[in-house]
Structure formats: C-alpha cells, structure tokens
Amino acid sequence: MSQQSPAEPSMTDPLQVQQYLLDHPDFFNQFPHTLTALRLPHNERGAVSLVERQQQLLRQRVGELEEEITALLSMARRNEEIHRFFSDLLFELLAIDNMEQMITTLAAKLKQQFRFASVQLFQRQAEAQFTPSSIDTILKQRLDSRGYYLGRLPAQEASILVGIETGSVALIGLGDPKQWHGVLAIASQDPSHFSPEMGTMLIDNLQQLLRHRLQHG
C-alpha cells in the first residue's frame, strides 16, 4: 500500500490576511507573542520587530507633518507680506493724480516686489481702437467675464502685449466688457506664476482703481 505524500501547504492570499487583520483589530491582543515574534526586513539593521517598524513609521510621519506645518507657516507669512504690499501700493497709487505717473509707479513696484519681466498699460485711443489694433481681438478671445486672463499665451500674442514670448501673463481688462477702455498686461518669466486657478482677490482692487482712473481721468 503506497503512502500518500503530504498535501502541499496552501498559499494564503496576502490581501485576505490584510483584510482579516483590519477586520479583527484585537488579533494581536489575543496573540501578543505573535506581535513580538514578527520580524520585518530593514535596509540598515537587517530585521526589526513589528513594533520597531511601527515606531519608525510614526517618527517618519511626524517628521513629514512638521515639514508640512513649516511650509504652511511660510506660505501664510508670504501671503501676509503680499497682502500688506498691495494694501500699501493701492494707497500710494490713490495719492497720485497723474495717470502716467501712477502707471510708472505701479510698474516699478510690481517689478521690484515680484521680479516681473513687464508691466504695461494699453489704452483705447481717441479713434476708439488700441495700438496695435490686434489687441482688441486678443482681449475678445482671452478675457473672461470678470475681465481677467491668467496663464500662458501663444508667442505672438505675448510678444504684442508684454514683449516676451515665454512665461505666464496676467491680463486685467479695464472698463466696459463690451468695449474695454484699457488693459493692464503683466508678465512673469515663470510659466507657473499666473494660472487660471489662482485667486483674484488682490488684483480686484487694482482693477477697480485703474478702471476708475481711466473713466474719470
């Protein structure tokens, strides 16, 4: 009578093991010796216990959270600086009566604070058109209902409005959406500086101020 060979041990699906442990969080309370007996591979120390590995992961997560908090605090300070800059700038612009001088001051301040490559104001001329006339077509295609375009432009359009063919731009329409009286064009060499997702709270006030000056002199 021949003897039967022992059955091969069945391979348990790792996902089933994972799900079982998740469904039974008290497993290691019932079998505490299993917790200390488990050994996990470690790149530097060869093998460590499950508890040691868990402590390592917790320390790593704490470090990541500390970095995230530091980044958030840095961003908050930067946002506060930008808000203060725009508040001071608007008050300074309000004190300037001459439109040309106001734009010169605006351009200089923005370039100094943000290292923008170009800040230009285009106004509709007496013959009711921009110079160059192609600006009208660009504004009709690009500006949204609020009078903004934030992002990258084709090289030809960017060259007309800001004098550079790369980077990102902010176009701020001034006046009547049916026929814009002017547009402030700001260019950054950074392709990601201006994007459609960014908030417009700070430039809203700038738009209102310049629009009022264009309409009332």
C-alpha atoms as a PDB file:
ATOM      1  CA  MET A   1       0.000   0.000   0.000  1.00  0.00           C
ATOM      2  CA  SER A   2       1.574   3.211  -1.117  1.00  0.00           C
ATOM      3  CA  GLN A   3       1.806   6.165   1.197  1.00  0.00           C
ATOM      4  CA  GLN A   4       0.232   9.424   0.141  1.00  0.00           C
ATOM      5  CA  SER A   5       2.555  12.374   0.014  1.00  0.00           C
ATOM      6  CA  PRO A   6       1.666  15.160   2.416  1.00  0.00           C
ATOM      7  CA  ALA A   7      -0.505  17.845   0.873  1.00  0.00           C
ATOM      8  CA  GLU A   8       1.270  20.983  -0.206  1.00  0.00           C
ATOM      9  CA  PRO A   9       0.543  23.867   2.157  1.00  0.00           C
ATOM     10  CA  SER A  10      -1.969  26.252   0.656  1.00  0.00           C
ATOM     11  CA  MET A  11      -0.813  29.780  -0.144  1.00  0.00           C
ATOM     12  CA  THR A  12      -2.968  32.355   1.608  1.00  0.00           C
ATOM     13  CA  ASP A  13      -3.783  35.469  -0.373  1.00  0.00           C
ATOM     14  CA  PRO A  14      -1.876  38.403   1.259  1.00  0.00           C
ATOM     15  CA  LEU A  15      -4.875  40.641   0.661  1.00  0.00           C
ATOM     16  CA  GLN A  16      -7.042  38.245   2.640  1.00  0.00           C
ATOM     17  CA  VAL A  17      -4.548  38.366   5.501  1.00  0.00           C
ATOM     18  CA  GLN A  18      -4.558  42.139   5.371  1.00  0.00           C
ATOM     19  CA  GLN A  19      -8.354  42.294   5.360  1.00  0.00           C
ATOM     20  CA  TYR A  20      -8.587  39.783   8.217  1.00  0.00           C
ATOM     21  CA  LEU A  21      -6.273  41.886  10.400  1.00  0.00           C
ATOM     22  CA  LEU A  22      -8.223  45.033   9.550  1.00  0.00           C
ATOM     23  CA  ASP A  23     -11.471  43.277  10.436  1.00  0.00           C
ATOM     24  CA  HIS A  24     -10.007  41.935  13.690  1.00  0.00           C
ATOM     25  CA  PRO A  25      -8.017  44.770  15.312  1.00  0.00           C
ATOM     26  CA  ASP A  26      -7.843  42.795  18.577  1.00  0.00           C
ATOM     27  CA  PHE A  27      -5.910  39.911  16.951  1.00  0.00           C
ATOM     28  CA  PHE A  28      -2.557  40.875  18.488  1.00  0.00           C
ATOM     29  CA  ASN A  29      -4.221  41.353  21.872  1.00  0.00           C
ATOM     30  CA  GLN A  30      -5.299  37.730  21.721  1.00  0.00           C
ATOM     31  CA  PHE A  31      -1.908  36.535  20.463  1.00  0.00           C
ATOM     32  CA  PRO A  32       0.668  39.018  21.842  1.00  0.00           C
ATOM     33  CA  HIS A  33       3.600  36.662  21.252  1.00  0.00           C
ATOM     34  CA  THR A  34       2.924  36.927  17.502  1.00  0.00           C
ATOM     35  CA  LEU A  35       3.470  40.669  17.601  1.00  0.00           C
ATOM     36  CA  THR A  36       6.920  40.402  19.142  1.00  0.00           C
ATOM     37  CA  ALA A  37       7.890  37.389  17.019  1.00  0.00           C
ATOM     38  CA  LEU A  38       7.269  39.073  13.693  1.00  0.00           C
ATOM     39  CA  ARG A  39      10.433  40.347  12.038  1.00  0.00           C
ATOM     40  CA  LEU A  40      10.454  42.807   9.140  1.00  0.00           C
ATOM     41  CA  PRO A  41      13.344  43.436   6.727  1.00  0.00           C
ATOM     42  CA  HIS A  42      15.238  46.686   7.277  1.00  0.00           C
ATOM     43  CA  ASN A  43      17.721  48.198   4.855  1.00  0.00           C
ATOM     44  CA  GLU A  44      20.218  49.183   7.547  1.00  0.00           C
ATOM     45  CA  ARG A  45      19.517  46.959  10.536  1.00  0.00           C
ATOM     46  CA  GLY A  46      18.744  43.678   8.767  1.00  0.00           C
ATOM     47  CA  ALA A  47      15.458  42.920  10.516  1.00  0.00           C
ATOM     48  CA  VAL A  48      13.345  44.684  13.118  1.00  0.00           C
ATOM     49  CA  SER A  49      10.255  43.830  15.080  1.00  0.00           C
ATOM     50  CA  LEU A  50       6.819  44.980  14.008  1.00  0.00           C
ATOM     51  CA  VAL A  51       6.697  47.374  16.966  1.00  0.00           C
ATOM     52  CA  GLU A  52      10.050  48.917  15.999  1.00  0.00           C
ATOM     53  CA  ARG A  53       8.877  49.289  12.402  1.00  0.00           C
ATOM     54  CA  GLN A  54       5.680  50.953  13.563  1.00  0.00           C
ATOM     55  CA  GLN A  55       7.649  53.383  15.721  1.00  0.00           C
ATOM     56  CA  GLN A  56       9.892  54.177  12.756  1.00  0.00           C
ATOM     57  CA  LEU A  57       6.878  54.891  10.529  1.00  0.00           C
ATOM     58  CA  LEU A  58       5.344  57.091  13.221  1.00  0.00           C
ATOM     59  CA  ARG A  59       8.577  59.096  13.578  1.00  0.00           C
ATOM     60  CA  GLN A  60       8.732  59.453   9.805  1.00  0.00           C
ATOM     61  CA  ARG A  61       5.117  60.669   9.684  1.00  0.00           C
ATOM     62  CA  VAL A  62       5.775  63.157  12.492  1.00  0.00           C
ATOM     63  CA  GLY A  63       8.720  64.499  10.502  1.00  0.00           C
ATOM     64  CA  GLU A  64       6.550  64.852   7.392  1.00  0.00           C
ATOM     65  CA  LEU A  65       3.852  66.687   9.372  1.00  0.00           C
ATOM     66  CA  GLU A  66       6.442  69.058  10.825  1.00  0.00           C
ATOM     67  CA  GLU A  67       7.664  69.856   7.300  1.00  0.00           C
ATOM     68  CA  GLU A  68       4.085  70.439   6.144  1.00  0.00           C
ATOM     69  CA  ILE A  69       3.412  72.790   9.058  1.00  0.00           C
ATOM     70  CA  THR A  70       6.628  74.689   8.360  1.00  0.00           C
ATOM     71  CA  ALA A  71       5.634  75.051   4.687  1.00  0.00           C
ATOM     72  CA  LEU A  72       2.139  76.250   5.622  1.00  0.00           C
ATOM     73  CA  LEU A  73       3.519  78.825   8.059  1.00  0.00           C
ATOM     74  CA  SER A  74       5.968  80.043   5.425  1.00  0.00           C
ATOM     75  CA  MET A  75       3.145  80.354   2.905  1.00  0.00           C
ATOM     76  CA  ALA A  76       0.983  82.217   5.416  1.00  0.00           C
ATOM     77  CA  ARG A  77       3.791  84.702   6.079  1.00  0.00           C
ATOM     78  CA  ARG A  78       4.298  85.156   2.338  1.00  0.00           C
ATOM     79  CA  ASN A  79       0.579  85.743   1.777  1.00  0.00           C
ATOM     80  CA  GLU A  80       0.552  88.292   4.590  1.00  0.00           C
ATOM     81  CA  GLU A  81       3.507  90.110   3.020  1.00  0.00           C
ATOM     82  CA  ILE A  82       1.772  90.184  -0.375  1.00  0.00           C
ATOM     83  CA  HIS A  83      -1.466  91.455   1.147  1.00  0.00           C
ATOM     84  CA  ARG A  84       0.379  94.208   3.005  1.00  0.00           C
ATOM     85  CA  PHE A  85       2.286  95.131  -0.156  1.00  0.00           C
ATOM     86  CA  PHE A  86      -0.886  95.517  -2.215  1.00  0.00           C
ATOM     87  CA  SER A  87      -2.624  97.497   0.533  1.00  0.00           C
ATOM     88  CA  ASP A  88       0.277  99.962   0.757  1.00  0.00           C
ATOM     89  CA  LEU A  89       0.546 100.122  -3.035  1.00  0.00           C
ATOM     90  CA  LEU A  90      -3.118 100.982  -3.529  1.00  0.00           C
ATOM     91  CA  PHE A  91      -2.919 103.818  -1.017  1.00  0.00           C
ATOM     92  CA  GLU A  92       0.201 105.125  -2.752  1.00  0.00           C
ATOM     93  CA  LEU A  93      -1.485 104.999  -6.156  1.00  0.00           C
ATOM     94  CA  LEU A  94      -4.554 106.807  -4.860  1.00  0.00           C
ATOM     95  CA  ALA A  95      -2.346 109.751  -3.908  1.00  0.00           C
ATOM     96  CA  ILE A  96      -1.045 110.148  -7.484  1.00  0.00           C
ATOM     97  CA  ASP A  97      -3.176 112.352  -9.742  1.00  0.00           C
ATOM     98  CA  ASN A  98      -1.276 111.876 -12.981  1.00  0.00           C
ATOM     99  CA  MET A  99      -2.230 108.656 -14.785  1.00  0.00           C
ATOM    100  CA  GLU A 100       1.142 108.233 -16.471  1.00  0.00           C
ATOM    101  CA  GLN A 101       2.995 108.686 -13.191  1.00  0.00           C
ATOM    102  CA  MET A 102       0.665 106.249 -11.478  1.00  0.00           C
ATOM    103  CA  ILE A 103       1.390 103.532 -14.063  1.00  0.00           C
ATOM    104  CA  THR A 104       5.125 104.220 -13.835  1.00  0.00           C
ATOM    105  CA  THR A 105       4.974 103.810 -10.054  1.00  0.00           C
ATOM    106  CA  LEU A 106       2.818 100.696 -10.340  1.00  0.00           C
ATOM    107  CA  ALA A 107       5.201  99.056 -12.808  1.00  0.00           C
ATOM    108  CA  ALA A 108       8.275  99.844 -10.740  1.00  0.00           C
ATOM    109  CA  LYS A 109       6.733  98.499  -7.518  1.00  0.00           C
ATOM    110  CA  LEU A 110       5.475  95.285  -9.094  1.00  0.00           C
ATOM    111  CA  LYS A 111       8.788  94.593 -10.800  1.00  0.00           C
ATOM    112  CA  GLN A 112      10.693  95.216  -7.582  1.00  0.00           C
ATOM    113  CA  GLN A 113       8.416  93.079  -5.411  1.00  0.00           C
ATOM    114  CA  PHE A 114       7.786  90.151  -7.766  1.00  0.00           C
ATOM    115  CA  ARG A 115      10.571  90.476 -10.357  1.00  0.00           C
ATOM    116  CA  PHE A 116       8.018  90.712 -13.155  1.00  0.00           C
ATOM    117  CA  ALA A 117       9.515  90.980 -16.621  1.00  0.00           C
ATOM    118  CA  SER A 118       6.997  93.510 -17.933  1.00  0.00           C
ATOM    119  CA  VAL A 119       4.127  95.696 -16.702  1.00  0.00           C
ATOM    120  CA  GLN A 120       2.317  97.670 -19.403  1.00  0.00           C
ATOM    121  CA  LEU A 121      -0.932  99.580 -19.704  1.00  0.00           C
ATOM    122  CA  PHE A 122      -2.670  99.847 -23.084  1.00  0.00           C
ATOM    123  CA  GLN A 123      -5.455 102.399 -23.510  1.00  0.00           C
ATOM    124  CA  ARG A 124      -8.047 102.739 -26.220  1.00  0.00           C
ATOM    125  CA  GLN A 125      -7.198 105.755 -28.359  1.00  0.00           C
ATOM    126  CA  ALA A 126      -9.421 108.650 -29.458  1.00  0.00           C
ATOM    127  CA  GLU A 127     -10.292 106.790 -32.657  1.00  0.00           C
ATOM    128  CA  ALA A 128     -11.747 104.041 -30.431  1.00  0.00           C
ATOM    129  CA  GLN A 129      -9.071 101.449 -31.032  1.00  0.00           C
ATOM    130  CA  PHE A 130      -5.958 100.111 -29.376  1.00  0.00           C
ATOM    131  CA  THR A 131      -2.454 100.466 -30.718  1.00  0.00           C
ATOM    132  CA  PRO A 132      -1.699  97.947 -32.049  1.00  0.00           C
ATOM    133  CA  SER A 133      -5.241  97.215 -33.235  1.00  0.00           C
ATOM    134  CA  SER A 134      -4.731  93.457 -32.786  1.00  0.00           C
ATOM    135  CA  ILE A 135      -5.076  93.950 -29.008  1.00  0.00           C
ATOM    136  CA  ASP A 136      -8.856  94.233 -29.457  1.00  0.00           C
ATOM    137  CA  THR A 137      -9.017  90.751 -30.968  1.00  0.00           C
ATOM    138  CA  ILE A 138      -6.801  89.289 -28.233  1.00  0.00           C
ATOM    139  CA  LEU A 139      -8.955  90.752 -25.456  1.00  0.00           C
ATOM    140  CA  LYS A 140     -12.179  89.451 -27.006  1.00  0.00           C
ATOM    141  CA  GLN A 141     -10.690  85.970 -27.204  1.00  0.00           C
ATOM    142  CA  ARG A 142      -8.907  85.862 -23.864  1.00  0.00           C
ATOM    143  CA  LEU A 143     -10.626  87.921 -21.165  1.00  0.00           C
ATOM    144  CA  ASP A 144     -13.289  86.192 -19.096  1.00  0.00           C
ATOM    145  CA  SER A 145     -16.499  87.764 -17.778  1.00  0.00           C
ATOM    146  CA  ARG A 146     -14.564  89.453 -14.949  1.00  0.00           C
ATOM    147  CA  GLY A 147     -12.014  90.901 -17.344  1.00  0.00           C
ATOM    148  CA  TYR A 148      -9.148  88.541 -16.444  1.00  0.00           C
ATOM    149  CA  TYR A 149      -6.823  86.190 -18.245  1.00  0.00           C
ATOM    150  CA  LEU A 150      -4.257  84.325 -16.151  1.00  0.00           C
ATOM    151  CA  GLY A 151      -1.867  81.855 -17.723  1.00  0.00           C
ATOM    152  CA  ARG A 152       0.256  81.330 -20.786  1.00  0.00           C
ATOM    153  CA  LEU A 153      -0.258  82.995 -24.169  1.00  0.00           C
ATOM    154  CA  PRO A 154       0.778  82.000 -27.666  1.00  0.00           C
ATOM    155  CA  ALA A 155       4.133  83.547 -28.519  1.00  0.00           C
ATOM    156  CA  GLN A 156       2.686  86.060 -30.991  1.00  0.00           C
ATOM    157  CA  GLU A 157       0.072  87.399 -28.544  1.00  0.00           C
ATOM    158  CA  ALA A 158       2.548  87.511 -25.653  1.00  0.00           C
ATOM    159  CA  SER A 159       5.015  89.431 -27.811  1.00  0.00           C
ATOM    160  CA  ILE A 160       2.377  92.069 -28.617  1.00  0.00           C
ATOM    161  CA  LEU A 161       1.174  92.555 -25.053  1.00  0.00           C
ATOM    162  CA  VAL A 162       4.230  92.052 -22.875  1.00  0.00           C
ATOM    163  CA  GLY A 163       7.200  91.920 -25.205  1.00  0.00           C
ATOM    164  CA  ILE A 164       8.261  88.369 -24.300  1.00  0.00           C
ATOM    165  CA  GLU A 165       7.347  85.031 -25.825  1.00  0.00           C
ATOM    166  CA  THR A 166       7.716  82.806 -22.754  1.00  0.00           C
ATOM    167  CA  GLY A 167       6.465  82.723 -19.181  1.00  0.00           C
ATOM    168  CA  SER A 168       2.952  83.483 -17.960  1.00  0.00           C
ATOM    169  CA  VAL A 169       0.837  86.618 -18.038  1.00  0.00           C
ATOM    170  CA  ALA A 170      -1.970  88.374 -16.216  1.00  0.00           C
ATOM    171  CA  LEU A 171      -4.284  90.452 -18.387  1.00  0.00           C
ATOM    172  CA  ILE A 172      -6.595  92.784 -16.467  1.00  0.00           C
ATOM    173  CA  GLY A 173      -9.360  94.353 -18.525  1.00  0.00           C
ATOM    174  CA  LEU A 174     -10.406  97.875 -17.555  1.00  0.00           C
ATOM    175  CA  GLY A 175     -13.748  99.470 -18.312  1.00  0.00           C
ATOM    176  CA  ASP A 176     -16.691  98.073 -20.257  1.00  0.00           C
ATOM    177  CA  PRO A 177     -16.562  94.384 -21.256  1.00  0.00           C
ATOM    178  CA  LYS A 178     -18.365  95.273 -24.491  1.00  0.00           C
ATOM    179  CA  GLN A 179     -15.510  97.614 -25.376  1.00  0.00           C
ATOM    180  CA  TRP A 180     -12.577  97.589 -22.983  1.00  0.00           C
ATOM    181  CA  HIS A 181     -11.146 101.058 -22.312  1.00  0.00           C
ATOM    182  CA  GLY A 182      -7.782  99.589 -21.367  1.00  0.00           C
ATOM    183  CA  VAL A 183      -5.844  96.524 -20.301  1.00  0.00           C
ATOM    184  CA  LEU A 184      -3.016  96.083 -17.817  1.00  0.00           C
ATOM    185  CA  ALA A 185      -0.619  93.357 -19.009  1.00  0.00           C
ATOM    186  CA  ILE A 186       1.804  91.825 -16.500  1.00  0.00           C
ATOM    187  CA  ALA A 187       4.389  89.213 -17.496  1.00  0.00           C
ATOM    188  CA  SER A 188       6.412  86.784 -15.420  1.00  0.00           C
ATOM    189  CA  GLN A 189       9.276  84.670 -16.720  1.00  0.00           C
ATOM    190  CA  ASP A 190       7.902  81.855 -14.549  1.00  0.00           C
ATOM    191  CA  PRO A 191       5.421  79.805 -16.632  1.00  0.00           C
ATOM    192  CA  SER A 192       3.524  78.808 -13.482  1.00  0.00           C
ATOM    193  CA  HIS A 193       3.316  82.202 -11.768  1.00  0.00           C
ATOM    194  CA  PHE A 194      -0.054  83.106 -13.273  1.00  0.00           C
ATOM    195  CA  SER A 195      -2.614  80.341 -13.683  1.00  0.00           C
ATOM    196  CA  PRO A 196      -6.414  80.130 -14.128  1.00  0.00           C
ATOM    197  CA  GLU A 197      -6.764  78.548 -10.679  1.00  0.00           C
ATOM    198  CA  MET A 198      -5.185  81.406  -8.729  1.00  0.00           C
ATOM    199  CA  GLY A 199      -7.318  83.793  -6.688  1.00  0.00           C
ATOM    200  CA  THR A 200      -8.014  87.332  -7.858  1.00  0.00           C
ATOM    201  CA  MET A 201      -8.865  88.995  -4.543  1.00  0.00           C
ATOM    202  CA  LEU A 202      -5.796  91.235  -4.577  1.00  0.00           C
ATOM    203  CA  ILE A 203      -5.983  92.305  -8.209  1.00  0.00           C
ATOM    204  CA  ASP A 204      -9.723  93.006  -7.930  1.00  0.00           C
ATOM    205  CA  ASN A 205      -8.969  96.240  -6.060  1.00  0.00           C
ATOM    206  CA  LEU A 206      -6.246  97.143  -8.527  1.00  0.00           C
ATOM    207  CA  GLN A 207      -8.663  96.616 -11.401  1.00  0.00           C
ATOM    208  CA  GLN A 208     -11.285  98.859  -9.755  1.00  0.00           C
ATOM    209  CA  LEU A 209      -8.775 101.640  -9.127  1.00  0.00           C
ATOM    210  CA  LEU A 210      -7.362 101.659 -12.663  1.00  0.00           C
ATOM    211  CA  ARG A 211     -10.804 101.379 -14.216  1.00  0.00           C
ATOM    212  CA  HIS A 212     -11.982 104.395 -12.235  1.00  0.00           C
ATOM    213  CA  ARG A 213      -8.917 106.415 -13.286  1.00  0.00           C
ATOM    214  CA  LEU A 214      -9.392 105.583 -16.951  1.00  0.00           C
ATOM    215  CA  GLN A 215     -13.043 106.551 -16.874  1.00  0.00           C
ATOM    216  CA  HIS A 216     -12.727 109.741 -14.813  1.00  0.00           C
ATOM    217  CA  GLY A 217      -9.162 110.833 -15.535  1.00  0.00           C
END
